[in-house]
C-alpha atoms as a PDB file:
ATOM      1  CA  MET A   1    -103.492 -32.383 188.471  1.00  0.00           C
ATOM      2  CA  GLN A   2    -102.613 -36.053 188.167  1.00  0.00           C
ATOM      3  CA  ARG A   3     -99.490 -37.865 189.303  1.00  0.00           C
ATOM      4  CA  ASP A   4     -98.265 -41.158 187.916  1.00  0.00           C
ATOM      5  CA  GLY A   5     -95.080 -43.177 188.298  1.00  0.00           C
ATOM      6  CA  GLU A   6     -93.153 -41.033 185.817  1.00  0.00           C
ATOM      7  CA  GLY A   7     -94.244 -37.524 186.665  1.00  0.00           C
ATOM      8  CA  LEU A   8     -97.076 -35.070 186.922  1.00  0.00           C
ATOM      9  CA  THR A   9     -99.691 -33.738 184.504  1.00  0.00           C
ATOM     10  CA  VAL A  10    -101.421 -30.422 185.199  1.00  0.00           C
ATOM     11  CA  GLU A  11    -104.418 -29.274 183.183  1.00  0.00           C
ATOM     12  CA  GLY A  12    -104.980 -25.542 182.815  1.00  0.00           C
ATOM     13  CA  GLN A  13    -108.680 -24.699 182.770  1.00  0.00           C
ATOM     14  CA  THR A  14    -110.556 -21.426 182.763  1.00  0.00           C
ATOM     15  CA  GLU A  15    -114.237 -20.573 182.942  1.00  0.00           C
ATOM     16  CA  GLY A  16    -116.115 -17.569 181.690  1.00  0.00           C
ATOM     17  CA  ASP A  17    -115.096 -14.753 179.381  1.00  0.00           C
ATOM     18  CA  TYR A  18    -112.910 -12.933 181.878  1.00  0.00           C
ATOM     19  CA  PRO A  19    -109.348 -11.925 181.047  1.00  0.00           C
ATOM     20  CA  LEU A  20    -106.748 -13.782 183.069  1.00  0.00           C
ATOM     21  CA  PRO A  21    -104.997 -11.551 185.620  1.00  0.00           C
ATOM     22  CA  TYR A  22    -101.553 -13.056 184.925  1.00  0.00           C
ATOM     23  CA  SER A  23     -99.472 -14.096 181.951  1.00  0.00           C
ATOM     24  CA  ALA A  24     -97.513 -16.976 183.492  1.00  0.00           C
ATOM     25  CA  VAL A  25     -97.707 -19.688 186.125  1.00  0.00           C
ATOM     26  CA  GLU A  26     -94.835 -20.190 188.572  1.00  0.00           C
ATOM     27  CA  VAL A  27     -94.006 -23.845 189.251  1.00  0.00           C
ATOM     28  CA  CYS A  28     -91.895 -24.801 192.261  1.00  0.00           C
ATOM     29  CA  LEU A  29     -91.049 -28.477 192.794  1.00  0.00           C
ATOM     30  CA  HIS A  30     -89.799 -29.739 196.144  1.00  0.00           C
ATOM     31  CA  GLY A  31     -87.686 -32.869 196.456  1.00  0.00           C
ATOM     32  CA  VAL A  32     -87.481 -33.645 192.728  1.00  0.00           C
ATOM     33  CA  THR A  33     -85.833 -32.198 189.632  1.00  0.00           C
ATOM     34  CA  PRO A  34     -87.629 -32.485 186.278  1.00  0.00           C
ATOM     35  CA  SER A  35     -85.962 -34.491 183.524  1.00  0.00           C
ATOM     36  CA  GLN A  36     -88.398 -33.229 180.842  1.00  0.00           C
ATOM     37  CA  VAL A  37     -91.094 -30.575 180.707  1.00  0.00           C
ATOM     38  CA  GLY A  38     -93.695 -30.167 177.973  1.00  0.00           C
ATOM     39  CA  VAL A  39     -96.383 -27.542 177.459  1.00  0.00           C
ATOM     40  CA  ASP A  40     -99.259 -28.489 175.164  1.00  0.00           C
ATOM     41  CA  GLY A  41     -97.138 -31.210 173.578  1.00  0.00           C
ATOM     42  CA  GLU A  42     -94.121 -28.974 172.923  1.00  0.00           C
ATOM     43  CA  PRO A  43     -90.921 -29.763 174.823  1.00  0.00           C
ATOM     44  CA  LEU A  44     -89.264 -27.021 176.842  1.00  0.00           C
ATOM     45  CA  PRO A  45     -85.627 -26.728 177.825  1.00  0.00           C
ATOM     46  CA  THR A  46     -85.304 -28.647 181.086  1.00  0.00           C
ATOM     47  CA  PRO A  47     -85.581 -26.115 183.886  1.00  0.00           C
ATOM     48  CA  GLY A  48     -84.505 -26.448 187.480  1.00  0.00           C
ATOM     49  CA  GLN A  49     -86.894 -26.972 190.368  1.00  0.00           C
ATOM     50  CA  GLN A  50     -88.521 -23.555 189.903  1.00  0.00           C
ATOM     51  CA  PHE A  51     -89.698 -22.152 186.582  1.00  0.00           C
ATOM     52  CA  ALA A  52     -92.441 -20.129 184.921  1.00  0.00           C
ATOM     53  CA  VAL A  53     -94.619 -21.199 182.002  1.00  0.00           C
ATOM     54  CA  GLY A  54     -97.141 -19.248 179.976  1.00  0.00           C
ATOM     55  CA  MET A  55    -100.793 -20.196 179.934  1.00  0.00           C
ATOM     56  CA  PHE A  56    -101.330 -23.813 178.932  1.00  0.00           C
ATOM     57  CA  ARG A  57    -103.883 -26.575 178.471  1.00  0.00           C
ATOM     58  CA  HIS A  58    -101.541 -29.435 179.450  1.00  0.00           C
ATOM     59  CA  LEU A  59     -98.314 -29.168 181.422  1.00  0.00           C
ATOM     60  CA  ARG A  60     -96.356 -32.411 181.677  1.00  0.00           C
ATOM     61  CA  ILE A  61     -93.434 -32.732 184.084  1.00  0.00           C
ATOM     62  CA  GLU A  62     -91.350 -35.909 183.837  1.00  0.00           C
ATOM     63  CA  VAL A  63     -89.235 -36.792 186.865  1.00  0.00           C
ATOM     64  CA  ASP A  64     -86.400 -39.324 187.136  1.00  0.00           C
ATOM     65  CA  GLY A  65     -86.170 -41.542 190.174  1.00  0.00           C
ATOM     66  CA  ASN A  66     -89.837 -41.755 191.156  1.00  0.00           C
END
């Protein structure tokens, strides 16, 4: 996870040949509302402060007012 002046980037990484025990990741932001969200380079409809995304390599959350 890396934060910069415009938002947050989360990298999804797995190791080994084990099946993942879940199909989505719950994201809950406190104190900010996302202006844009992208998963693996594809934009998503702008959610509220809490949302779920499927498995990803790169999750980008842009935030206004940082």
